[in-house]
Protein backbone atom coordinates (compact mmCIF):
# COMPACT_ATOMS: atom_id res chain seq x y z
CA ASN A 1 37.32 -34.89 -25.69
CA GLN A 2 36.87 -30.94 -26.58
CA ASN A 3 33.91 -31.91 -28.74
CA ASN A 4 32.49 -34.10 -26.39
CA GLN A 5 32.51 -31.25 -23.75
CA ASN A 6 31.00 -28.64 -25.30
CA ASN A 7 28.32 -31.09 -26.83
CA ASN A 8 27.87 -31.57 -23.30
CA GLN A 9 27.89 -28.25 -22.54
CA ASN A 10 25.27 -27.42 -25.20
CA ASN A 11 23.37 -30.30 -24.24
CA ASN A 12 23.00 -28.63 -20.28
CA HIS A 13 22.40 -25.17 -21.52
CA ASN A 14 19.03 -25.95 -23.53
CA HIS A 15 18.20 -28.16 -20.82
CA ASN A 16 18.22 -25.28 -18.47
CA ASN A 17 16.64 -23.17 -21.02
CA ASN A 18 13.36 -25.76 -21.43
CA ASN A 19 13.21 -25.81 -16.91
CA ILE A 20 13.02 -22.30 -17.30
CA ASP A 21 10.00 -22.21 -20.36
CA ASN A 22 8.73 -24.59 -17.84
CA GLU A 23 8.80 -23.06 -14.88
CA SER A 24 7.96 -19.68 -16.69
CA GLU A 25 4.79 -21.13 -18.20
CA GLU A 26 3.86 -22.90 -14.57
CA ASN A 27 3.59 -19.49 -13.47
CA GLY A 28 1.59 -17.92 -15.99
CA ASN A 29 -0.89 -21.14 -15.49
CA LEU A 30 -0.41 -20.08 -11.48
CA THR A 31 -0.86 -16.05 -12.83
CA THR A 32 -4.02 -16.59 -14.69
CA GLU A 33 -5.82 -19.13 -11.78
CA THR A 34 -5.43 -16.06 -9.43
CA GLU A 35 -6.76 -13.75 -11.64
CA SER A 36 -9.77 -16.29 -12.61
CA GLN A 37 -10.05 -16.56 -8.44
CA LYS A 38 -10.38 -12.47 -7.93
CA VAL A 39 -13.84 -12.16 -6.04
CA ALA A 40 -16.00 -9.64 -7.95
CA PRO A 41 -17.91 -6.94 -5.54
CA LYS A 42 -21.51 -8.41 -4.26
CA ASN A 43 -24.13 -6.89 -5.61
CA TYR A 44 -26.75 -6.68 -2.57
CA ALA A 45 -30.03 -5.63 -5.33
CA SER A 46 -29.50 -9.34 -6.92
CA SER A 47 -32.51 -11.44 -6.98
CA GLU A 48 -30.16 -14.15 -6.60
CA CYS A 49 -29.34 -13.31 -3.20
CA GLY A 50 -32.56 -12.90 -1.73
CA ALA A 51 -33.26 -9.45 -2.86
CA GLN A 52 -37.17 -8.63 -3.86
CA ILE A 53 -39.29 -5.44 -5.12
CA ILE A 54 -41.49 -4.51 -1.76
CA THR A 55 -43.48 -1.77 -3.90
CA ALA A 56 -42.94 0.75 -6.95
CA ASN A 57 -45.60 2.84 -8.79
CA PRO A 58 -48.82 1.38 -10.32
CA GLU A 59 -47.71 2.22 -13.74
CA ALA A 60 -44.42 0.21 -13.55
CA LYS A 61 -44.69 -3.09 -14.87
CA ASP A 62 -41.92 -6.22 -14.28
CA GLY A 63 -40.45 -4.37 -11.79
CA SER A 64 -38.47 -7.31 -10.96
CA SER A 65 -36.62 -7.74 -14.25
CA ILE A 66 -34.06 -4.71 -13.15
CA LEU A 67 -33.12 -7.31 -10.51
CA LYS A 68 -31.77 -9.59 -12.87
CA SER A 69 -28.62 -10.06 -14.96
CA HIS A 70 -30.73 -10.48 -18.27
CA GLN A 71 -30.44 -7.67 -20.16
CA ASP A 72 -33.70 -8.20 -22.70
CA GLN A 73 -35.47 -8.15 -19.71
CA TYR A 74 -36.35 -4.10 -18.00
CA MET A 75 -39.13 -2.56 -16.03
CA LEU A 76 -41.10 -0.14 -18.43
CA ASN A 77 -42.93 2.56 -17.54
CA LEU A 78 -44.41 5.88 -19.44
CA CYS A 79 -42.40 8.69 -18.98
CA SER A 80 -45.46 11.04 -18.04
CA VAL A 81 -46.21 9.23 -14.97
CA ARG A 82 -44.47 9.64 -11.39
CA LYS A 83 -41.79 6.80 -11.35
CA TRP A 84 -40.32 5.19 -7.86
CA PHE A 85 -39.87 1.88 -6.39
CA VAL A 86 -38.31 0.49 -2.98
CA ILE A 87 -36.00 -2.40 -2.79
CA GLN A 88 -35.58 -4.72 0.23
CA LEU A 89 -31.51 -5.67 -0.23
CA CYS A 90 -30.95 -8.88 0.91
CA GLU A 91 -28.46 -7.40 3.84
CA GLU A 92 -28.46 -4.58 5.88
CA ILE A 93 -25.20 -3.11 4.62
CA GLN A 94 -23.54 0.63 4.17
CA ILE A 95 -23.66 1.52 0.89
CA THR A 96 -21.34 3.07 -1.14
CA HIS A 97 -22.43 3.13 -5.12
CA PHE A 98 -24.92 1.68 -7.39
CA GLU A 99 -25.46 1.24 -10.74
CA MET A 100 -27.85 1.82 -13.09
CA ALA A 101 -28.70 0.91 -16.81
CA ASN A 102 -31.22 1.02 -20.14
CA PHE A 103 -29.92 -0.76 -22.70
CA GLU A 104 -33.57 0.04 -25.06
CA HIS A 105 -33.05 1.38 -28.34
CA PHE A 106 -36.18 3.87 -29.05
CA ALA A 107 -36.64 4.61 -25.29
CA ALA A 108 -36.19 7.30 -23.28
CA ASN A 109 -33.14 7.43 -21.11
CA PHE A 110 -33.53 8.61 -17.34
CA LYS A 111 -31.79 11.68 -16.09
CA ASP A 112 -32.35 13.40 -12.28
CA ILE A 113 -31.87 10.48 -9.52
CA SER A 114 -32.63 10.22 -5.93
CA LEU A 115 -31.62 7.83 -3.54
CA TYR A 116 -33.44 7.19 0.11
CA CYS A 117 -32.42 4.78 2.94
CA GLY A 118 -34.52 2.81 5.40
CA ILE A 119 -33.90 0.57 8.49
CA GLU A 120 -37.41 -0.93 7.70
CA ALA A 121 -40.37 -0.97 5.77
CA PRO A 122 -43.09 0.38 5.32
CA THR A 123 -42.39 3.49 6.59
CA ARG A 124 -43.01 7.37 6.33
CA THR A 125 -39.06 8.55 7.29
CA TRP A 126 -36.49 7.85 4.93
CA LEU A 127 -32.83 9.19 5.02
CA PHE A 128 -31.76 11.08 2.13
CA LEU A 129 -28.39 9.70 0.10
CA GLY A 130 -28.24 12.58 -2.40
CA ASN A 131 -29.04 13.59 -6.27
CA PHE A 132 -27.74 11.91 -8.89
CA THR A 133 -27.56 12.68 -13.00
CA ALA A 134 -27.60 10.66 -15.35
CA SER A 135 -25.52 10.95 -19.08
CA ASN A 136 -27.60 10.33 -21.73
CA THR A 137 -25.72 7.41 -22.75
CA ARG A 138 -27.23 3.74 -22.89
CA SER A 139 -24.19 1.85 -20.88
CA ILE A 140 -23.71 1.87 -17.14
CA HIS A 141 -24.18 4.44 -14.79
CA LYS A 142 -22.20 4.49 -11.49
CA PHE A 143 -23.22 6.39 -8.79
CA THR A 144 -20.93 7.05 -5.53
CA VAL A 145 -22.96 7.54 -1.85
CA GLU A 146 -21.05 9.81 0.29
CA ASN A 147 -23.61 9.58 3.10
CA THR A 148 -22.56 5.91 4.40
CA THR A 149 -24.96 4.60 6.46
CA TRP A 150 -26.80 1.37 7.93
CA CYS A 151 -29.68 0.19 4.83
CA ARG A 152 -31.73 -2.68 4.77
CA PHE A 153 -34.33 -0.69 2.13
CA ILE A 154 -33.88 1.89 -0.56
CA LYS A 155 -36.23 3.77 -2.20
CA VAL A 156 -35.82 5.21 -6.10
CA ASN A 157 -37.30 8.25 -7.44
CA LEU A 158 -36.54 9.06 -10.92
CA TYR A 159 -37.64 12.75 -12.32
CA THR A 160 -36.57 13.53 -15.64
CA HIS A 161 -35.65 12.14 -18.61
CA TYR A 162 -33.66 12.59 -22.36
CA GLY A 163 -35.88 13.09 -25.46
CA GLU A 164 -39.41 12.88 -26.26
CA GLN A 165 -39.87 9.03 -26.23
CA LYS A 166 -43.35 7.44 -24.56
CA TYR A 167 -41.94 4.93 -22.35
CA CYS A 168 -38.83 5.09 -19.84
CA PRO A 169 -37.24 1.69 -19.43
CA VAL A 170 -35.03 0.84 -16.54
CA SER A 171 -32.88 -2.60 -17.34
CA VAL A 172 -30.51 -2.83 -14.45
CA PHE A 173 -30.36 -1.80 -11.17
CA ARG A 174 -27.48 -3.11 -8.91
CA VAL A 175 -26.33 -2.16 -5.45
CA PHE A 176 -22.35 -2.33 -3.92
CA GLY A 177 -21.49 -1.91 0.23
CA LEU A 178 -20.10 -3.22 3.37
CA ASN A 179 -21.95 -5.75 5.13
CA SER A 180 -21.08 -6.23 8.92
CA ILE A 181 -18.53 -8.76 8.14
CA ASP A 182 -16.78 -6.40 5.92
CA GLN A 183 -17.07 -3.68 8.19
CA PHE A 184 -15.70 -5.47 11.37
CA LYS A 185 -12.47 -6.73 8.80
CA ASN A 186 -11.84 -3.17 7.87
CA GLU A 187 -11.61 -2.23 11.70
CA MET A 188 -9.31 -4.74 12.44
CA SER A 189 -6.57 -3.71 9.38
CA LYS A 190 -6.75 -0.33 10.63
CA ARG A 191 -6.26 -1.17 14.20
CA ALA A 192 -3.32 -3.74 12.79
CA ARG A 193 -1.85 -0.47 10.38
CA LEU A 194 -1.92 1.60 13.58
CA LYS A 195 -0.06 -0.80 16.17
CA VAL A 196 2.60 -1.13 13.33
CA LYS A 197 2.61 2.84 13.32
CA ASN A 198 3.22 2.85 16.84
CA VAL A 199 5.60 0.26 17.44
CA LEU A 200 8.01 1.47 14.45
CA PRO A 201 9.26 4.79 15.53
CA LYS A 202 9.96 3.14 19.10
CA ASN A 203 12.48 0.45 17.53
CA GLU A 204 13.66 3.70 15.10
CA LYS A 205 14.71 5.42 18.67
CA LYS A 206 16.71 2.39 20.16
CA ASN A 207 18.39 1.95 17.03
CA GLU A 208 19.58 5.78 16.94
CA ASP A 209 20.41 5.51 20.51
CA VAL A 210 22.74 2.37 20.18
CA ASN A 211 24.01 4.06 17.28
CA SER A 212 25.00 7.09 18.73
CA GLY A 213 26.33 5.45 21.97
CA ASN A 214 28.63 3.36 19.95
CA GLN A 215 30.16 6.96 18.30
CA VAL A 216 30.34 8.39 21.63
CA ASP A 217 32.29 5.21 22.52
CA GLY A 218 34.60 5.43 18.94
CA THR A 219 35.28 9.72 20.35
CA ASN A 220 36.40 8.59 23.67
CA GLU A 221 38.78 5.63 21.77
CA ASN A 222 39.92 8.71 19.47
CA VAL A 223 40.74 10.73 22.47
CA ASN A 224 42.58 8.04 24.48
CA CYS A 225 44.64 7.21 21.48
CA ASN A 226 45.56 10.81 20.97
CA LEU A 227 46.50 11.26 24.93
CA ASN A 228 48.48 8.22 24.53
CA ASN A 229 50.72 9.65 21.12
CA CYS A 230 51.28 12.78 23.18
CA ASN A 231 52.63 10.83 25.56
CA ASN A 232 55.00 8.63 23.59
CA SER A 233 55.69 11.85 21.76
CA SER A 234 56.92 14.18 25.03
CA ASN A 235 59.04 11.25 25.82
CA ASN A 236 60.63 11.22 22.60
CA HIS A 237 61.32 14.72 22.66
CA ASN A 238 62.68 14.12 26.15
CA HIS A 239 64.52 11.53 24.67
CA HIS A 240 66.06 14.14 22.19
CA SER A 241 66.42 17.03 24.31
CA ASN A 242 68.43 14.61 26.46
CA SER A 243 70.87 13.92 24.08
CA ASN A 244 71.43 17.46 23.05
CA ASN A 245 72.18 18.84 26.50
CA PRO A 246 75.59 21.01 25.80
CA ASN A 247 76.69 20.02 29.17
CA ASP A 248 76.53 17.03 28.78
CA HIS A 249 79.02 17.17 25.47
CA GLY A 250 81.31 19.52 27.55
CA THR A 251 81.06 16.31 30.30
CA ASN A 252 82.28 13.74 28.10
CA SER A 253 84.92 15.97 26.22
CA ASN A 254 86.85 16.90 28.97
CA ASN A 255 86.82 13.54 30.08
CA HIS A 256 88.32 12.68 26.48
CA ASN A 257 90.85 15.79 26.73
CA HIS A 258 91.86 14.19 30.35
CA ASN A 259 92.53 10.51 29.46
CA HIS A 260 94.77 12.23 26.23
CA ASN A 261 96.87 13.85 28.83
CA ASN A 262 96.86 11.08 30.95
CA ASN A 263 97.94 9.12 27.72
CA SER A 264 100.92 11.44 26.80
CA ASN A 265 101.95 11.56 30.66
CA ASN A 266 102.44 7.91 30.65
CA ASN A 267 104.58 8.29 27.17
CA HIS A 268 106.96 10.78 28.42
CA ASN A 269 107.69 8.86 31.48
CA ASN A 270 108.69 5.88 29.68
CA ASN A 271 110.74 7.63 27.27
């Protein structure tokens, strides 16, 4: 019987281990699905969402290539000319950052860049967003824009480049930011956080008041208890003091002697 019980326990233990493994596998699958469901930030300078090149310097070739995701396609310019282009974004956004890259070998990399913003195009009034400098690498360069404002059109000027090559291509140009819906969500989340901050101190204050009241009541109870103890102790003291009264002892002794004398007189008369 003991052997059968041990075997049953081992089987139950193995069954539990299998359940744990299955749960971990299921949790792993759920985690993988959650990671795969993460949404990448939207590129508002992509041809897939409707962005387009409005105008560029006359010498530029295949300007729309920078709005696509193909690394083998690029906008080609001579390094000796003044290079610039204007993009209409697919939505009006507040730009947070943008990315540029050149993946072509045996060509010069761009260096100094300036970015401008406009609500409409064509226009002569462009809002300056900043100057940026790229490193001499064939990788994606990320530039953070600190001057946040609403933009629908952007203008990019390419001033300088690295090396002495003849051509200065641009392979990728991407723009990221917040549209009106994203801005509304951020405002709502900020208001919700402020409400939580305003509510928490009041509740904490109420809890402190309740706790302080309990402490005061407890103190009063202790005081009353101490007073009762004092009264009891005083009563006990009076009792002991009465028992120790010398006059009482004297009275008792006199009564005892008087009774003794009476008894002796009675005995004498009998005799």
